[in-house]
Amino acid sequence: MSNNPFPPNPYSPTPNASGQFGGPGNGGNAMALVSSPAISLIVVSAVCIFCMLIAMGIDAFLLLSGMAGRLPANNVGWSRETQITVRVIGACVIIAINSLILFSAIKMKGLTNYSLALTGAILAVIPCISPCYFLGIPFGIWALVVLMRPEVKQAFR
C-alpha cells in the first residue's frame, strides 16, 4: 500500500506490457502528440487561403475595372493585365495546395489517414507553396517529426 494521498492522474499516459508508452492501446498519447502541429498547420493554412482570396479579389477588381492598364509598367516586358492574370493563376495554385494541407492537417488531428497527413506535412515544408510562405516550414517540420514516431504511426492504423 502506498502512502501517496493523491489519486492517479487519469490523463497521464500508461505504459504498455513492454513498459513503453504509446502503442495500439494508447491512442490518446498519439492524439496529444499530433494535436498541436495539426492545429498549427490548420491555422496557418487558413490564414494563407484567406490572404490569397483577398489578393485575388483585389486583382480581379483591377482587371475588371480597367484600372490595371493605368498602373505604372514594370521592366518585365508584359502588360499589367498579363502580370495580374499570371498572379491570379499562381494564387489559385497556392490556394489549392494550401487547401490540401488544411484537409490533411484535419485528417492528422483525427488520426484517420496517415499517408495524407504525411503528404500535407511534406507540402508545408516546401518554400513558396507552404502556408504563409516561411511560416509553414517550422510547423511542417514539427508535423513530420511527430508523424515519424512509432506510436503515432501505430495510432493511425
Protein backbone atom coordinates (compact mmCIF):
# COMPACT_ATOMS: atom_id res chain seq x y z
CA MET A 1 0.00 0.00 0.00
CA SER A 2 1.29 3.43 -0.98
CA ASN A 3 1.32 6.46 1.28
CA ASN A 4 0.51 8.78 -1.65
CA PRO A 5 -2.57 10.87 -0.69
CA PHE A 6 -3.24 11.91 -4.29
CA PRO A 7 -5.26 9.82 -6.76
CA PRO A 8 -3.56 8.79 -10.03
CA ASN A 9 -3.86 11.19 -12.95
CA PRO A 10 -6.39 9.71 -15.43
CA TYR A 11 -4.89 11.75 -18.28
CA SER A 12 -1.30 10.58 -17.90
CA PRO A 13 -0.07 8.02 -20.45
CA THR A 14 0.19 4.48 -19.19
CA PRO A 15 2.96 2.09 -20.20
CA ASN A 16 2.08 -0.98 -22.24
CA ALA A 17 3.17 -4.55 -21.44
CA SER A 18 6.77 -3.87 -22.54
CA GLY A 19 6.99 -0.82 -20.27
CA GLN A 20 6.99 1.72 -23.12
CA PHE A 21 4.49 4.50 -23.63
CA GLY A 22 2.33 4.58 -26.73
CA GLY A 23 1.34 1.71 -28.94
CA PRO A 24 -2.01 0.35 -30.05
CA GLY A 25 -3.58 0.53 -26.62
CA ASN A 26 -2.66 4.15 -26.08
CA GLY A 27 -4.13 6.22 -28.92
CA GLY A 28 -4.70 9.15 -26.56
CA ASN A 29 -0.96 9.79 -26.33
CA ALA A 30 -0.65 9.89 -30.12
CA MET A 31 -3.68 12.16 -30.31
CA ALA A 32 -1.98 14.56 -27.90
CA LEU A 33 1.25 14.41 -29.90
CA VAL A 34 -0.32 15.29 -33.27
CA SER A 35 -2.80 17.82 -31.96
CA SER A 36 -0.50 20.84 -31.68
CA PRO A 37 1.27 20.56 -35.06
CA ALA A 38 -2.04 19.76 -36.76
CA ILE A 39 -3.75 22.81 -35.26
CA SER A 40 -0.74 24.95 -36.22
CA LEU A 41 -0.95 23.77 -39.84
CA ILE A 42 -4.71 24.33 -39.86
CA VAL A 43 -4.32 27.91 -38.65
CA VAL A 44 -1.51 28.94 -40.99
CA SER A 45 -3.17 27.25 -43.99
CA ALA A 46 -6.45 29.01 -43.28
CA VAL A 47 -4.67 32.36 -42.90
CA CYS A 48 -2.82 31.81 -46.18
CA ILE A 49 -6.02 30.88 -48.03
CA PHE A 50 -7.76 33.94 -46.60
CA CYS A 51 -4.90 36.26 -47.65
CA MET A 52 -4.75 34.76 -51.13
CA LEU A 53 -8.51 35.20 -51.57
CA ILE A 54 -8.18 38.87 -50.63
CA ALA A 55 -5.28 39.33 -53.06
CA MET A 56 -7.25 37.59 -55.82
CA GLY A 57 -10.22 39.85 -55.12
CA ILE A 58 -8.06 42.95 -55.48
CA ASP A 59 -6.50 41.61 -58.69
CA ALA A 60 -9.91 40.72 -60.11
CA PHE A 61 -11.13 44.22 -59.30
CA LEU A 62 -8.11 45.75 -61.07
CA LEU A 63 -8.71 43.60 -64.16
CA LEU A 64 -12.46 44.03 -64.36
CA SER A 65 -12.47 47.76 -63.66
CA GLY A 66 -9.79 48.50 -66.24
CA MET A 67 -7.55 50.11 -63.65
CA ALA A 68 -4.78 47.60 -64.35
CA GLY A 69 -3.86 49.45 -67.54
CA ARG A 70 -3.36 52.69 -65.64
CA LEU A 71 -0.79 51.25 -63.24
CA PRO A 72 2.88 52.03 -63.96
CA ALA A 73 4.60 49.49 -66.19
CA ASN A 74 7.36 47.19 -64.97
CA ASN A 75 10.55 46.21 -66.74
CA VAL A 76 9.33 42.64 -67.27
CA GLY A 77 8.02 43.29 -70.76
CA TRP A 78 4.48 42.06 -70.05
CA SER A 79 1.42 44.24 -69.88
CA ARG A 80 -0.06 44.87 -66.43
CA GLU A 81 -3.13 42.82 -67.39
CA THR A 82 -0.94 39.82 -68.22
CA GLN A 83 1.01 40.19 -64.98
CA ILE A 84 -2.18 40.30 -62.91
CA THR A 85 -3.60 37.29 -64.77
CA VAL A 86 -0.45 35.28 -64.07
CA ARG A 87 -0.60 36.38 -60.42
CA VAL A 88 -4.24 35.22 -60.15
CA ILE A 89 -3.36 31.83 -61.66
CA GLY A 90 -0.47 31.48 -59.19
CA ALA A 91 -2.79 32.38 -56.32
CA CYS A 92 -5.24 29.68 -57.44
CA VAL A 93 -2.43 27.10 -57.34
CA ILE A 94 -1.35 28.24 -53.86
CA ILE A 95 -4.96 28.12 -52.63
CA ALA A 96 -5.34 24.57 -53.98
CA ILE A 97 -2.13 23.39 -52.29
CA ASN A 98 -3.00 25.09 -49.01
CA SER A 99 -6.47 23.55 -49.14
CA LEU A 100 -4.80 20.14 -49.40
CA ILE A 101 -2.53 21.00 -46.46
CA LEU A 102 -5.56 22.16 -44.45
CA PHE A 103 -7.51 18.99 -45.26
CA SER A 104 -4.53 16.77 -44.42
CA ALA A 105 -3.99 18.59 -41.11
CA ILE A 106 -7.63 17.93 -40.21
CA LYS A 107 -7.10 14.25 -41.03
CA MET A 108 -3.88 14.27 -38.99
CA LYS A 109 -5.68 15.70 -35.98
CA GLY A 110 -8.28 12.93 -36.20
CA LEU A 111 -5.63 10.20 -36.78
CA THR A 112 -7.57 8.96 -39.81
CA ASN A 113 -5.27 8.98 -42.88
CA TYR A 114 -1.52 8.65 -42.32
CA SER A 115 -0.40 9.00 -45.94
CA LEU A 116 -2.49 12.14 -46.46
CA ALA A 117 -1.22 13.62 -43.18
CA LEU A 118 2.36 12.91 -44.25
CA THR A 119 1.72 14.46 -47.68
CA GLY A 120 0.37 17.63 -46.10
CA ALA A 121 3.34 17.91 -43.75
CA ILE A 122 5.77 17.49 -46.66
CA LEU A 123 3.93 20.12 -48.72
CA ALA A 124 4.06 22.53 -45.77
CA VAL A 125 7.87 22.28 -45.74
CA ILE A 126 8.27 23.32 -49.39
CA PRO A 127 9.10 27.05 -49.56
CA CYS A 128 6.84 29.40 -51.53
CA ILE A 129 3.89 26.98 -51.57
CA SER A 130 3.75 26.28 -47.86
CA PRO A 131 1.17 28.05 -45.72
CA CYS A 132 2.07 31.73 -45.36
CA TYR A 133 5.37 31.01 -47.10
CA PHE A 134 8.10 30.58 -44.49
CA LEU A 135 5.75 30.41 -41.51
CA GLY A 136 4.58 26.92 -42.52
CA ILE A 137 8.08 25.42 -42.72
CA PRO A 138 8.70 25.01 -38.96
CA PHE A 139 5.18 23.67 -38.43
CA GLY A 140 5.64 21.23 -41.31
CA ILE A 141 8.94 20.00 -39.86
CA TRP A 142 7.30 19.65 -36.45
CA ALA A 143 4.45 17.63 -38.01
CA LEU A 144 6.94 15.40 -39.86
CA VAL A 145 8.90 14.70 -36.69
CA VAL A 146 5.73 13.80 -34.82
CA LEU A 147 4.36 11.66 -37.67
CA MET A 148 7.57 9.62 -37.79
CA ARG A 149 7.22 8.50 -34.17
CA PRO A 150 6.32 4.79 -33.95
CA GLU A 151 3.44 5.29 -31.51
CA VAL A 152 1.87 7.86 -33.85
CA LYS A 153 2.22 5.53 -36.85
CA GLN A 154 0.53 2.76 -34.90
CA ALA A 155 -2.30 5.03 -33.80
CA PHE A 156 -3.20 5.76 -37.45
CA ARG A 157 -3.78 2.03 -38.12
